[in-house]
Amino acid sequence: MADSADSQTPVEGDIKLMKIEAEAAIREVKYAVEHAEISSELSANDDIAFFNVRTKEGETFCVELSALGYRVIVGNKFDEISSEMNSTYYETIYSLLDKHSPKYRLTFGEALAGKLEGLQKLQEKAANGADHMETEEQKT
């Protein structure tokens, strides 16, 4: 007898995987955009998922995610597919946003700098702790 995971059709599995990948992309960039969500109007299928983005500049667009990558399929509106689609595919959501949102680039850079500063402070704290331990050992 097959378990429940085996009873799933390949198409259902692909839809879920594409949507999961789109949701992961949204989580990754949500801090650097004004708004991002899975499209409630455009249905995912075994090859494509759609999500909406509003940049910090206020630009609104719908993004297609497929095996070819990410691309803006319509500017200035959510949940629409344009007959004049931009044919530029980006390998990552980061590269798409880097091209379409200067404030994304700035926010990304600031977040990276903040993380590096935090890492530096942790390293300094660890080094100071090690120095303190060596001083204590020398006293004994």
Protein backbone atom coordinates (compact mmCIF):
# COMPACT_ATOMS: atom_id res chain seq x y z
CA MET A 1 0.00 0.00 0.00
CA ALA A 2 1.41 3.41 -1.02
CA ASP A 3 1.78 6.11 1.57
CA SER A 4 0.02 9.47 1.18
CA ALA A 5 3.11 11.16 -0.29
CA ASP A 6 3.16 8.62 -3.14
CA SER A 7 -0.50 9.27 -3.97
CA GLN A 8 0.22 12.89 -4.93
CA THR A 9 0.22 13.43 -8.69
CA PRO A 10 3.39 14.91 -10.21
CA VAL A 11 1.51 18.06 -11.28
CA GLU A 12 0.24 18.73 -7.75
CA GLY A 13 3.76 18.30 -6.44
CA ASP A 14 5.19 20.70 -9.02
CA ILE A 15 2.57 23.33 -8.26
CA LYS A 16 3.34 23.12 -4.60
CA LEU A 17 7.10 23.27 -5.22
CA MET A 18 6.85 26.32 -7.52
CA LYS A 19 4.58 28.11 -5.04
CA ILE A 20 6.91 27.19 -2.17
CA GLU A 21 9.85 28.63 -4.09
CA ALA A 22 7.90 31.84 -4.75
CA GLU A 23 6.96 32.09 -1.06
CA ALA A 24 10.61 31.60 -0.10
CA ALA A 25 11.67 34.37 -2.50
CA ILE A 26 9.10 36.71 -0.93
CA ARG A 27 10.37 35.92 2.59
CA GLU A 28 13.94 36.61 1.47
CA VAL A 29 13.23 40.11 0.13
CA LYS A 30 10.25 41.29 2.17
CA TYR A 31 12.49 43.43 4.41
CA ALA A 32 13.69 45.40 1.37
CA VAL A 33 10.41 46.07 -0.45
CA GLU A 34 7.24 47.86 0.57
CA HIS A 35 4.96 44.88 -0.18
CA ALA A 36 5.23 41.34 -1.57
CA GLU A 37 2.63 38.57 -1.79
CA ILE A 38 1.62 35.52 -3.82
CA SER A 39 -0.90 36.50 -6.48
CA SER A 40 -4.45 35.76 -5.37
CA GLU A 41 -5.78 36.18 -8.92
CA LEU A 42 -3.27 34.32 -11.11
CA SER A 43 -3.16 30.58 -10.63
CA ALA A 44 0.05 28.65 -10.34
CA ASN A 45 0.48 25.60 -12.52
CA ASP A 46 3.17 22.99 -12.89
CA ASP A 47 5.51 25.48 -14.57
CA ILE A 48 4.75 28.92 -13.17
CA ALA A 49 3.91 30.85 -10.00
CA PHE A 50 3.09 34.55 -9.77
CA PHE A 51 3.64 37.12 -7.07
CA ASN A 52 3.18 40.84 -6.66
CA VAL A 53 5.81 43.33 -5.53
CA ARG A 54 5.70 47.01 -4.62
CA THR A 55 9.17 48.48 -4.31
CA LYS A 56 10.18 51.14 -1.80
CA GLU A 57 10.01 53.59 -4.71
CA GLY A 58 6.30 52.73 -5.04
CA GLU A 59 6.67 50.81 -8.31
CA THR A 60 4.16 47.97 -8.56
CA PHE A 61 4.61 44.88 -10.70
CA CYS A 62 3.69 41.25 -11.06
CA VAL A 63 6.54 38.73 -11.19
CA GLU A 64 6.49 35.37 -12.94
CA LEU A 65 8.61 32.55 -11.53
CA SER A 66 9.29 29.64 -13.85
CA ALA A 67 12.08 27.21 -14.63
CA LEU A 68 13.61 30.00 -16.73
CA GLY A 69 13.84 32.29 -13.71
CA TYR A 70 12.11 35.44 -12.54
CA ARG A 71 10.69 38.14 -14.78
CA VAL A 72 8.44 41.15 -14.51
CA ILE A 73 5.33 40.33 -16.52
CA VAL A 74 3.51 43.61 -16.10
CA GLY A 75 4.51 46.93 -14.62
CA ASN A 76 2.23 49.19 -12.59
CA LYS A 77 -0.36 46.54 -11.68
CA PHE A 78 -0.75 43.48 -9.48
CA ASP A 79 -2.25 40.22 -10.72
CA GLU A 80 -2.00 40.90 -14.46
CA ILE A 81 -0.21 39.35 -17.38
CA SER A 82 0.71 41.73 -20.19
CA SER A 83 0.70 40.81 -23.86
CA GLU A 84 3.90 42.88 -24.08
CA MET A 85 5.86 40.95 -21.48
CA ASN A 86 9.39 41.88 -20.58
CA SER A 87 11.44 38.94 -21.83
CA THR A 88 14.35 39.51 -19.47
CA TYR A 89 14.68 36.58 -17.07
CA TYR A 90 16.72 36.89 -13.91
CA GLU A 91 18.32 33.94 -12.18
CA THR A 92 17.40 35.23 -8.73
CA ILE A 93 14.83 37.54 -7.17
CA TYR A 94 17.78 39.56 -5.89
CA SER A 95 19.04 40.33 -9.39
CA LEU A 96 15.54 41.25 -10.58
CA LEU A 97 15.08 43.68 -7.70
CA ASP A 98 18.61 45.01 -8.08
CA LYS A 99 17.68 46.03 -11.64
CA HIS A 100 14.25 47.47 -10.78
CA SER A 101 14.75 49.12 -7.38
CA PRO A 102 17.68 51.32 -6.37
CA LYS A 103 16.24 51.45 -2.83
CA TYR A 104 16.35 47.63 -2.73
CA ARG A 105 20.08 47.85 -3.45
CA LEU A 106 20.51 50.45 -0.71
CA THR A 107 18.46 48.46 1.82
CA PHE A 108 20.31 45.26 0.94
CA GLY A 109 23.66 47.02 1.39
CA GLU A 110 22.60 48.49 4.73
CA ALA A 111 21.35 45.11 5.96
CA LEU A 112 24.59 43.45 4.89
CA ALA A 113 26.67 46.14 6.59
CA GLY A 114 24.60 45.72 9.77
CA LYS A 115 25.14 41.97 9.77
CA LEU A 116 28.88 42.38 9.19
CA GLU A 117 29.06 44.92 12.03
CA GLY A 118 27.23 42.49 14.31
CA LEU A 119 29.63 39.73 13.34
CA GLN A 120 32.60 41.99 14.01
CA LYS A 121 31.23 42.83 17.48
CA LEU A 122 30.78 39.13 18.24
CA GLN A 123 34.35 38.43 17.16
CA GLU A 124 35.65 41.30 19.28
CA LYS A 125 33.63 40.10 22.26
CA ALA A 126 34.96 36.57 21.81
CA ALA A 127 38.51 37.90 21.52
CA ASN A 128 38.05 40.03 24.65
CA GLY A 129 36.64 37.04 26.49
CA ALA A 130 39.64 34.94 25.45
CA ASP A 131 42.01 37.73 26.57
CA HIS A 132 40.20 37.95 29.91
CA MET A 133 40.52 34.18 30.40
CA GLU A 134 44.26 34.31 29.63
CA THR A 135 44.71 37.15 32.18
CA GLU A 136 42.84 35.14 34.82
CA GLU A 137 44.99 32.08 34.10
CA GLN A 138 48.18 34.14 34.40
CA LYS A 139 47.07 35.38 37.84
CA THR A 140 46.79 31.82 39.15
